């Protein structure tokens, strides 16, 4: 297990998303609806739905909104969303995996391709970059869940593969098929996690300079603004002094 966190460089800065709360609620609602539709509408019997609800609660999404999203799936009065994945390269040769939930593949593909090409990147074929990532489970906790040692011990006991902690929080990585089992074991010790989802963990990182980082963050912000895009994963690492320069 490791102790140094690179997570803030893998999934885009939470601060940028906080400014777009309504857009975030839309994405969270969509994930809740899809999770409820794919399994039972009961979070106790549906791990994906439980994880989606926990993620929504962590972002202070109102209970009424959460229930409405579940009800949409139960009543069947919702669009048919499908999960799609795009792979490609951003500025500085950074590998990107873009995950989306969409009811219109053509619209989403056009929007994603435009955003990437206008901001110094290009999309590749399916599998063009995912071979450089490991598909794993990722459980996230805020710093308030406990110090690094407590979280490390709990994660080790629960059967996690790796832990990364810093002042922003804790990321606990699990084997692909152990995500819900580890989450269940951690909950009595650390409480409900902020998030529990399947993730893409880079095998190697690419160090990005100031100019490339500015363009890369602009690209990720553009993708974040698209309602269909759920998550952007990348293998970029930006030094603290570069982040400070970018403000």
C-alpha atoms as a PDB file:
ATOM      1  CA  UNK A   1       0.000   0.000   0.000  1.00  0.00           C
ATOM      2  CA  UNK A   2       1.127   3.549  -0.684  1.00  0.00           C
ATOM      3  CA  UNK A   3       0.759   6.700   1.356  1.00  0.00           C
ATOM      4  CA  UNK A   4       1.139   9.519  -1.163  1.00  0.00           C
ATOM      5  CA  UNK A   5      -1.979  10.755  -2.914  1.00  0.00           C
ATOM      6  CA  UNK A   6      -2.048  11.538  -6.627  1.00  0.00           C
ATOM      7  CA  UNK A   7      -5.849  11.354  -6.741  1.00  0.00           C
ATOM      8  CA  UNK A   8      -6.382  15.102  -7.028  1.00  0.00           C
ATOM      9  CA  UNK A   9      -4.514  14.905 -10.324  1.00  0.00           C
ATOM     10  CA  UNK A  10      -6.443  11.881 -11.590  1.00  0.00           C
ATOM     11  CA  UNK A  11     -10.012  13.022 -11.217  1.00  0.00           C
ATOM     12  CA  UNK A  12     -10.441  16.727 -11.876  1.00  0.00           C
ATOM     13  CA  UNK A  13     -10.380  19.237  -9.024  1.00  0.00           C
ATOM     14  CA  UNK A  14     -13.489  19.130  -6.855  1.00  0.00           C
ATOM     15  CA  UNK A  15     -13.379  22.914  -6.461  1.00  0.00           C
ATOM     16  CA  UNK A  16     -14.126  23.485 -10.131  1.00  0.00           C
ATOM     17  CA  UNK A  17     -17.153  21.220  -9.880  1.00  0.00           C
ATOM     18  CA  UNK A  18     -18.436  22.912  -6.729  1.00  0.00           C
ATOM     19  CA  UNK A  19     -18.993  26.083  -8.767  1.00  0.00           C
ATOM     20  CA  UNK A  20     -21.348  24.161 -11.016  1.00  0.00           C
ATOM     21  CA  UNK A  21     -23.608  22.598  -8.406  1.00  0.00           C
ATOM     22  CA  UNK A  22     -26.744  22.481 -10.556  1.00  0.00           C
ATOM     23  CA  UNK A  23     -24.856  20.708 -13.323  1.00  0.00           C
ATOM     24  CA  UNK A  24     -23.454  18.294 -10.764  1.00  0.00           C
ATOM     25  CA  UNK A  25     -26.920  17.557  -9.399  1.00  0.00           C
ATOM     26  CA  UNK A  26     -28.029  16.724 -12.929  1.00  0.00           C
ATOM     27  CA  UNK A  27     -25.191  14.191 -13.315  1.00  0.00           C
ATOM     28  CA  UNK A  28     -25.826  12.698  -9.879  1.00  0.00           C
ATOM     29  CA  UNK A  29     -29.564  12.401 -10.618  1.00  0.00           C
ATOM     30  CA  UNK A  30     -28.826  10.612 -13.862  1.00  0.00           C
ATOM     31  CA  UNK A  31     -26.532   8.095 -12.132  1.00  0.00           C
ATOM     32  CA  UNK A  32     -29.147   7.448  -9.401  1.00  0.00           C
ATOM     33  CA  UNK A  33     -31.868   6.861 -12.009  1.00  0.00           C
ATOM     34  CA  UNK A  34     -29.688   4.520 -14.083  1.00  0.00           C
ATOM     35  CA  UNK A  35     -28.565   2.594 -10.984  1.00  0.00           C
ATOM     36  CA  UNK A  36     -32.170   2.226  -9.778  1.00  0.00           C
ATOM     37  CA  UNK A  37     -33.319   1.110 -13.213  1.00  0.00           C
ATOM     38  CA  UNK A  38     -30.536  -1.479 -13.625  1.00  0.00           C
ATOM     39  CA  UNK A  39     -31.233  -3.101 -10.255  1.00  0.00           C
ATOM     40  CA  UNK A  40     -33.735  -2.870  -7.429  1.00  0.00           C
ATOM     41  CA  UNK A  41     -34.843   0.631  -6.323  1.00  0.00           C
ATOM     42  CA  UNK A  42     -33.802  -0.290  -2.755  1.00  0.00           C
ATOM     43  CA  UNK A  43     -30.276   0.968  -1.890  1.00  0.00           C
ATOM     44  CA  UNK A  44     -29.849  -1.840   0.666  1.00  0.00           C
ATOM     45  CA  UNK A  45     -30.210  -4.381  -2.140  1.00  0.00           C
ATOM     46  CA  UNK A  46     -28.482  -2.389  -4.883  1.00  0.00           C
ATOM     47  CA  UNK A  47     -24.802  -1.486  -4.211  1.00  0.00           C
ATOM     48  CA  UNK A  48     -24.530   0.815  -7.223  1.00  0.00           C
ATOM     49  CA  UNK A  49     -27.623   2.750  -6.150  1.00  0.00           C
ATOM     50  CA  UNK A  50     -26.342   3.000  -2.580  1.00  0.00           C
ATOM     51  CA  UNK A  51     -23.024   4.395  -3.852  1.00  0.00           C
ATOM     52  CA  UNK A  52     -24.855   6.899  -6.090  1.00  0.00           C
ATOM     53  CA  UNK A  53     -27.027   8.090  -3.198  1.00  0.00           C
ATOM     54  CA  UNK A  54     -23.979   8.460  -0.914  1.00  0.00           C
ATOM     55  CA  UNK A  55     -22.205  10.508  -3.585  1.00  0.00           C
ATOM     56  CA  UNK A  56     -25.279  12.743  -3.907  1.00  0.00           C
ATOM     57  CA  UNK A  57     -25.520  13.217  -0.137  1.00  0.00           C
ATOM     58  CA  UNK A  58     -21.817  14.111   0.009  1.00  0.00           C
ATOM     59  CA  UNK A  59     -22.583  16.999  -2.370  1.00  0.00           C
ATOM     60  CA  UNK A  60     -25.561  18.128  -0.237  1.00  0.00           C
ATOM     61  CA  UNK A  61     -28.123  17.114  -2.818  1.00  0.00           C
ATOM     62  CA  UNK A  62     -31.614  17.483  -1.257  1.00  0.00           C
ATOM     63  CA  UNK A  63     -33.417  14.279  -0.211  1.00  0.00           C
ATOM     64  CA  UNK A  64     -36.394  15.189  -2.414  1.00  0.00           C
ATOM     65  CA  UNK A  65     -34.157  15.315  -5.489  1.00  0.00           C
ATOM     66  CA  UNK A  66     -32.670  11.918  -4.633  1.00  0.00           C
ATOM     67  CA  UNK A  67     -36.098  10.316  -4.139  1.00  0.00           C
ATOM     68  CA  UNK A  68     -37.410  11.887  -7.341  1.00  0.00           C
ATOM     69  CA  UNK A  69     -34.526  10.341  -9.290  1.00  0.00           C
ATOM     70  CA  UNK A  70     -35.289   6.895  -7.832  1.00  0.00           C
ATOM     71  CA  UNK A  71     -39.019   7.289  -8.541  1.00  0.00           C
ATOM     72  CA  UNK A  72     -38.302   8.151 -12.179  1.00  0.00           C
ATOM     73  CA  UNK A  73     -36.715   4.740 -12.652  1.00  0.00           C
ATOM     74  CA  UNK A  74     -39.502   2.924 -10.777  1.00  0.00           C
ATOM     75  CA  UNK A  75     -42.227   4.541 -12.895  1.00  0.00           C
ATOM     76  CA  UNK A  76     -40.333   3.986 -16.120  1.00  0.00           C
ATOM     77  CA  UNK A  77     -40.914   7.603 -17.207  1.00  0.00           C
ATOM     78  CA  UNK A  78     -37.291   8.261 -18.031  1.00  0.00           C
ATOM     79  CA  UNK A  79     -35.000   8.256 -21.026  1.00  0.00           C
ATOM     80  CA  UNK A  80     -33.007   5.133 -21.812  1.00  0.00           C
ATOM     81  CA  UNK A  81     -29.452   6.044 -20.833  1.00  0.00           C
ATOM     82  CA  UNK A  82     -26.484   3.960 -21.879  1.00  0.00           C
ATOM     83  CA  UNK A  83     -22.925   4.004 -20.616  1.00  0.00           C
ATOM     84  CA  UNK A  84     -20.313   4.990 -23.189  1.00  0.00           C
ATOM     85  CA  UNK A  85     -16.569   5.477 -22.898  1.00  0.00           C
ATOM     86  CA  UNK A  86     -14.222   7.596 -24.987  1.00  0.00           C
ATOM     87  CA  UNK A  87     -10.439   7.345 -24.981  1.00  0.00           C
ATOM     88  CA  UNK A  88      -7.864   9.763 -26.277  1.00  0.00           C
ATOM     89  CA  UNK A  89      -5.038  12.152 -25.594  1.00  0.00           C
ATOM     90  CA  UNK A  90      -4.954  15.628 -24.093  1.00  0.00           C
ATOM     91  CA  UNK A  91      -2.263  18.326 -24.120  1.00  0.00           C
ATOM     92  CA  UNK A  92       1.218  17.069 -23.270  1.00  0.00           C
ATOM     93  CA  UNK A  93       0.427  13.524 -24.364  1.00  0.00           C
ATOM     94  CA  UNK A  94      -1.810  12.919 -21.342  1.00  0.00           C
ATOM     95  CA  UNK A  95      -4.058   9.849 -21.638  1.00  0.00           C
ATOM     96  CA  UNK A  96      -7.741  10.504 -20.948  1.00  0.00           C
ATOM     97  CA  UNK A  97     -10.707   8.206 -20.346  1.00  0.00           C
ATOM     98  CA  UNK A  98     -14.069   9.980 -20.547  1.00  0.00           C
ATOM     99  CA  UNK A  99     -17.127   8.193 -19.150  1.00  0.00           C
ATOM    100  CA  UNK A 100     -20.634   9.290 -20.099  1.00  0.00           C
ATOM    101  CA  UNK A 101     -24.282   8.387 -19.572  1.00  0.00           C
ATOM    102  CA  UNK A 102     -26.270   9.365 -22.628  1.00  0.00           C
ATOM    103  CA  UNK A 103     -29.627   8.991 -24.332  1.00  0.00           C
ATOM    104  CA  UNK A 104     -28.115  10.101 -27.660  1.00  0.00           C
ATOM    105  CA  UNK A 105     -24.744   8.608 -28.618  1.00  0.00           C
ATOM    106  CA  UNK A 106     -24.337  10.816 -31.700  1.00  0.00           C
ATOM    107  CA  UNK A 107     -24.818  14.044 -29.722  1.00  0.00           C
ATOM    108  CA  UNK A 108     -22.417  12.974 -26.991  1.00  0.00           C
ATOM    109  CA  UNK A 109     -19.746  11.740 -29.406  1.00  0.00           C
ATOM    110  CA  UNK A 110     -19.872  15.010 -31.343  1.00  0.00           C
ATOM    111  CA  UNK A 111     -19.670  17.142 -28.189  1.00  0.00           C
ATOM    112  CA  UNK A 112     -16.802  15.142 -26.698  1.00  0.00           C
ATOM    113  CA  UNK A 113     -14.834  15.071 -29.953  1.00  0.00           C
ATOM    114  CA  UNK A 114     -15.273  18.842 -30.398  1.00  0.00           C
ATOM    115  CA  UNK A 115     -14.221  19.626 -26.822  1.00  0.00           C
ATOM    116  CA  UNK A 116     -11.107  17.466 -27.094  1.00  0.00           C
ATOM    117  CA  UNK A 117      -9.995  18.695 -30.528  1.00  0.00           C
ATOM    118  CA  UNK A 118     -10.518  22.385 -29.654  1.00  0.00           C
ATOM    119  CA  UNK A 119      -8.339  22.074 -26.563  1.00  0.00           C
ATOM    120  CA  UNK A 120      -5.163  20.462 -27.827  1.00  0.00           C
ATOM    121  CA  UNK A 121      -6.177  16.803 -27.817  1.00  0.00           C
ATOM    122  CA  UNK A 122      -7.548  14.073 -30.026  1.00  0.00           C
ATOM    123  CA  UNK A 123      -9.777  11.051 -29.525  1.00  0.00           C
ATOM    124  CA  UNK A 124      -8.473   7.570 -30.258  1.00  0.00           C
ATOM    125  CA  UNK A 125     -10.082   4.220 -30.870  1.00  0.00           C
ATOM    126  CA  UNK A 126     -11.573   2.169 -28.061  1.00  0.00           C
ATOM    127  CA  UNK A 127      -8.695   0.608 -26.114  1.00  0.00           C
ATOM    128  CA  UNK A 128      -6.141   3.167 -27.323  1.00  0.00           C
ATOM    129  CA  UNK A 129      -5.269   4.329 -23.789  1.00  0.00           C
ATOM    130  CA  UNK A 130      -7.170   2.077 -21.350  1.00  0.00           C
ATOM    131  CA  UNK A 131      -4.376  -0.523 -21.540  1.00  0.00           C
ATOM    132  CA  UNK A 132      -2.300   1.984 -19.550  1.00  0.00           C
ATOM    133  CA  UNK A 133      -4.834   2.008 -16.694  1.00  0.00           C
ATOM    134  CA  UNK A 134      -6.012  -0.611 -14.202  1.00  0.00           C
ATOM    135  CA  UNK A 135      -9.757  -1.040 -13.718  1.00  0.00           C
ATOM    136  CA  UNK A 136     -10.269  -0.957  -9.954  1.00  0.00           C
ATOM    137  CA  UNK A 137     -12.737   0.010  -7.254  1.00  0.00           C
ATOM    138  CA  UNK A 138     -12.270   3.400  -5.575  1.00  0.00           C
ATOM    139  CA  UNK A 139     -13.755   4.375  -2.209  1.00  0.00           C
ATOM    140  CA  UNK A 140     -13.335   7.974  -1.057  1.00  0.00           C
ATOM    141  CA  UNK A 141     -13.574   9.448   2.430  1.00  0.00           C
ATOM    142  CA  UNK A 142     -13.165  13.026   3.671  1.00  0.00           C
ATOM    143  CA  UNK A 143     -10.224  13.866   5.937  1.00  0.00           C
ATOM    144  CA  UNK A 144     -12.682  13.950   8.854  1.00  0.00           C
ATOM    145  CA  UNK A 145     -13.106  10.153   8.644  1.00  0.00           C
ATOM    146  CA  UNK A 146      -9.843   9.743  10.558  1.00  0.00           C
ATOM    147  CA  UNK A 147      -6.095  10.132  10.319  1.00  0.00           C
ATOM    148  CA  UNK A 148      -4.036   8.274   7.720  1.00  0.00           C
ATOM    149  CA  UNK A 149      -3.061   5.492  10.124  1.00  0.00           C
ATOM    150  CA  UNK A 150      -6.645   4.758  11.189  1.00  0.00           C
ATOM    151  CA  UNK A 151      -7.858   4.669   7.582  1.00  0.00           C
ATOM    152  CA  UNK A 152      -4.885   2.540   6.503  1.00  0.00           C
ATOM    153  CA  UNK A 153      -5.546  -0.028   9.239  1.00  0.00           C
ATOM    154  CA  UNK A 154      -9.278  -0.153   8.470  1.00  0.00           C
ATOM    155  CA  UNK A 155      -8.642  -0.547   4.748  1.00  0.00           C
ATOM    156  CA  UNK A 156      -6.059  -3.283   5.310  1.00  0.00           C
ATOM    157  CA  UNK A 157      -8.482  -5.167   7.546  1.00  0.00           C
ATOM    158  CA  UNK A 158     -11.280  -4.773   4.969  1.00  0.00           C
ATOM    159  CA  UNK A 159      -9.177  -6.276   2.174  1.00  0.00           C
ATOM    160  CA  UNK A 160      -8.288  -3.128   0.180  1.00  0.00           C
ATOM    161  CA  UNK A 161      -5.387  -3.091  -2.276  1.00  0.00           C
ATOM    162  CA  UNK A 162      -3.990   0.384  -1.633  1.00  0.00           C
ATOM    163  CA  UNK A 163      -4.603   3.586   0.319  1.00  0.00           C
ATOM    164  CA  UNK A 164      -3.634   7.161  -0.524  1.00  0.00           C
ATOM    165  CA  UNK A 165      -4.170   9.930   2.025  1.00  0.00           C
ATOM    166  CA  UNK A 166      -3.493  13.643   2.062  1.00  0.00           C
ATOM    167  CA  UNK A 167      -4.971  16.750   3.684  1.00  0.00           C
ATOM    168  CA  UNK A 168      -7.986  16.610   1.335  1.00  0.00           C
ATOM    169  CA  UNK A 169      -9.068  13.094   2.246  1.00  0.00           C
ATOM    170  CA  UNK A 170      -8.516   9.401   1.656  1.00  0.00           C
ATOM    171  CA  UNK A 171      -8.725   7.219  -1.437  1.00  0.00           C
ATOM    172  CA  UNK A 172      -9.000   3.482  -0.907  1.00  0.00           C
ATOM    173  CA  UNK A 173      -8.383   1.277  -3.936  1.00  0.00           C
ATOM    174  CA  UNK A 174      -9.839  -2.219  -4.209  1.00  0.00           C
ATOM    175  CA  UNK A 175      -9.787  -5.116  -6.634  1.00  0.00           C
ATOM    176  CA  UNK A 176     -12.450  -4.732  -9.319  1.00  0.00           C
ATOM    177  CA  UNK A 177     -14.783  -7.358  -7.875  1.00  0.00           C
ATOM    178  CA  UNK A 178     -14.183  -6.406  -4.210  1.00  0.00           C
ATOM    179  CA  UNK A 179     -15.526  -2.818  -4.274  1.00  0.00           C
ATOM    180  CA  UNK A 180     -18.861  -3.433  -2.551  1.00  0.00           C
ATOM    181  CA  UNK A 181     -17.481  -6.030  -0.139  1.00  0.00           C
ATOM    182  CA  UNK A 182     -14.727  -3.633   1.048  1.00  0.00           C
ATOM    183  CA  UNK A 183     -17.205  -0.737   1.235  1.00  0.00           C
ATOM    184  CA  UNK A 184     -19.501  -2.836   3.407  1.00  0.00           C
ATOM    185  CA  UNK A 185     -16.606  -3.744   5.741  1.00  0.00           C
ATOM    186  CA  UNK A 186     -15.398  -0.129   6.035  1.00  0.00           C
ATOM    187  CA  UNK A 187     -18.774   1.486   6.759  1.00  0.00           C
ATOM    188  CA  UNK A 188     -19.091   0.393  10.437  1.00  0.00           C
ATOM    189  CA  UNK A 189     -15.531   1.666  11.096  1.00  0.00           C
ATOM    190  CA  UNK A 190     -15.295   4.865   9.030  1.00  0.00           C
ATOM    191  CA  UNK A 191     -18.951   5.661   8.292  1.00  0.00           C
ATOM    192  CA  UNK A 192     -20.601   5.980   4.882  1.00  0.00           C
ATOM    193  CA  UNK A 193     -18.056   6.888   2.201  1.00  0.00           C
ATOM    194  CA  UNK A 194     -18.321  10.005   0.020  1.00  0.00           C
ATOM    195  CA  UNK A 195     -18.052   7.812  -3.023  1.00  0.00           C
ATOM    196  CA  UNK A 196     -17.662   4.165  -4.049  1.00  0.00           C
ATOM    197  CA  UNK A 197     -17.300   3.524  -7.751  1.00  0.00           C
ATOM    198  CA  UNK A 198     -15.391   1.699 -10.439  1.00  0.00           C
ATOM    199  CA  UNK A 199     -12.399   3.758 -11.485  1.00  0.00           C
ATOM    200  CA  UNK A 200      -9.457   3.897 -13.855  1.00  0.00           C
ATOM    201  CA  UNK A 201      -6.082   4.021 -12.105  1.00  0.00           C
ATOM    202  CA  UNK A 202      -3.085   5.008 -14.260  1.00  0.00           C
ATOM    203  CA  UNK A 203      -0.087   2.695 -14.277  1.00  0.00           C
ATOM    204  CA  UNK A 204       2.308   5.582 -14.960  1.00  0.00           C
ATOM    205  CA  UNK A 205       1.904   9.337 -14.586  1.00  0.00           C
ATOM    206  CA  UNK A 206       2.778  12.138 -17.024  1.00  0.00           C
ATOM    207  CA  UNK A 207       4.220  15.334 -15.549  1.00  0.00           C
ATOM    208  CA  UNK A 208       2.542  18.371 -17.123  1.00  0.00           C
ATOM    209  CA  UNK A 209       4.011  21.898 -17.256  1.00  0.00           C
ATOM    210  CA  UNK A 210       2.148  25.171 -16.719  1.00  0.00           C
ATOM    211  CA  UNK A 211       1.078  25.877 -20.329  1.00  0.00           C
ATOM    212  CA  UNK A 212      -0.059  22.315 -20.964  1.00  0.00           C
ATOM    213  CA  UNK A 213      -1.800  22.125 -17.573  1.00  0.00           C
ATOM    214  CA  UNK A 214      -3.781  25.311 -18.271  1.00  0.00           C
ATOM    215  CA  UNK A 215      -5.017  23.907 -21.592  1.00  0.00           C
ATOM    216  CA  UNK A 216      -5.664  20.491 -20.055  1.00  0.00           C
ATOM    217  CA  UNK A 217      -7.785  21.962 -17.240  1.00  0.00           C
ATOM    218  CA  UNK A 218      -9.707  24.028 -19.794  1.00  0.00           C
ATOM    219  CA  UNK A 219     -10.416  20.809 -21.716  1.00  0.00           C
ATOM    220  CA  UNK A 220     -11.578  19.005 -18.577  1.00  0.00           C
ATOM    221  CA  UNK A 221     -13.749  21.975 -17.537  1.00  0.00           C
ATOM    222  CA  UNK A 222     -15.391  21.922 -20.985  1.00  0.00           C
ATOM    223  CA  UNK A 223     -16.087  18.206 -20.660  1.00  0.00           C
ATOM    224  CA  UNK A 224     -17.400  18.713 -17.108  1.00  0.00           C
ATOM    225  CA  UNK A 225     -19.890  21.265 -18.466  1.00  0.00           C
ATOM    226  CA  UNK A 226     -21.461  18.580 -20.667  1.00  0.00           C
ATOM    227  CA  UNK A 227     -24.425  16.968 -18.869  1.00  0.00           C
ATOM    228  CA  UNK A 228     -23.678  13.610 -20.523  1.00  0.00           C
ATOM    229  CA  UNK A 229     -20.095  13.385 -19.228  1.00  0.00           C
ATOM    230  CA  UNK A 230     -19.953  11.761 -15.801  1.00  0.00           C
ATOM    231  CA  UNK A 231     -16.218  11.424 -15.070  1.00  0.00           C
ATOM    232  CA  UNK A 232     -12.900  12.291 -16.697  1.00  0.00           C
ATOM    233  CA  UNK A 233      -9.903  10.173 -15.717  1.00  0.00           C
ATOM    234  CA  UNK A 234      -6.324  10.964 -16.707  1.00  0.00           C
ATOM    235  CA  UNK A 235      -2.728  10.051 -15.983  1.00  0.00           C
ATOM    236  CA  UNK A 236      -1.559  13.626 -15.480  1.00  0.00           C
ATOM    237  CA  UNK A 237       0.447  14.916 -12.567  1.00  0.00           C
ATOM    238  CA  UNK A 238       0.830  18.652 -11.933  1.00  0.00           C
ATOM    239  CA  UNK A 239       3.478  19.859  -9.501  1.00  0.00           C
ATOM    240  CA  UNK A 240       2.273  21.989  -6.567  1.00  0.00           C
ATOM    241  CA  UNK A 241       4.265  25.020  -7.753  1.00  0.00           C
ATOM    242  CA  UNK A 242       2.603  24.775 -11.188  1.00  0.00           C
ATOM    243  CA  UNK A 243      -0.854  24.562  -9.544  1.00  0.00           C
ATOM    244  CA  UNK A 244      -0.032  27.666  -7.507  1.00  0.00           C
ATOM    245  CA  UNK A 245       1.027  29.496 -10.654  1.00  0.00           C
ATOM    246  CA  UNK A 246      -2.251  28.578 -12.312  1.00  0.00           C
ATOM    247  CA  UNK A 247      -4.153  29.839  -9.292  1.00  0.00           C
END
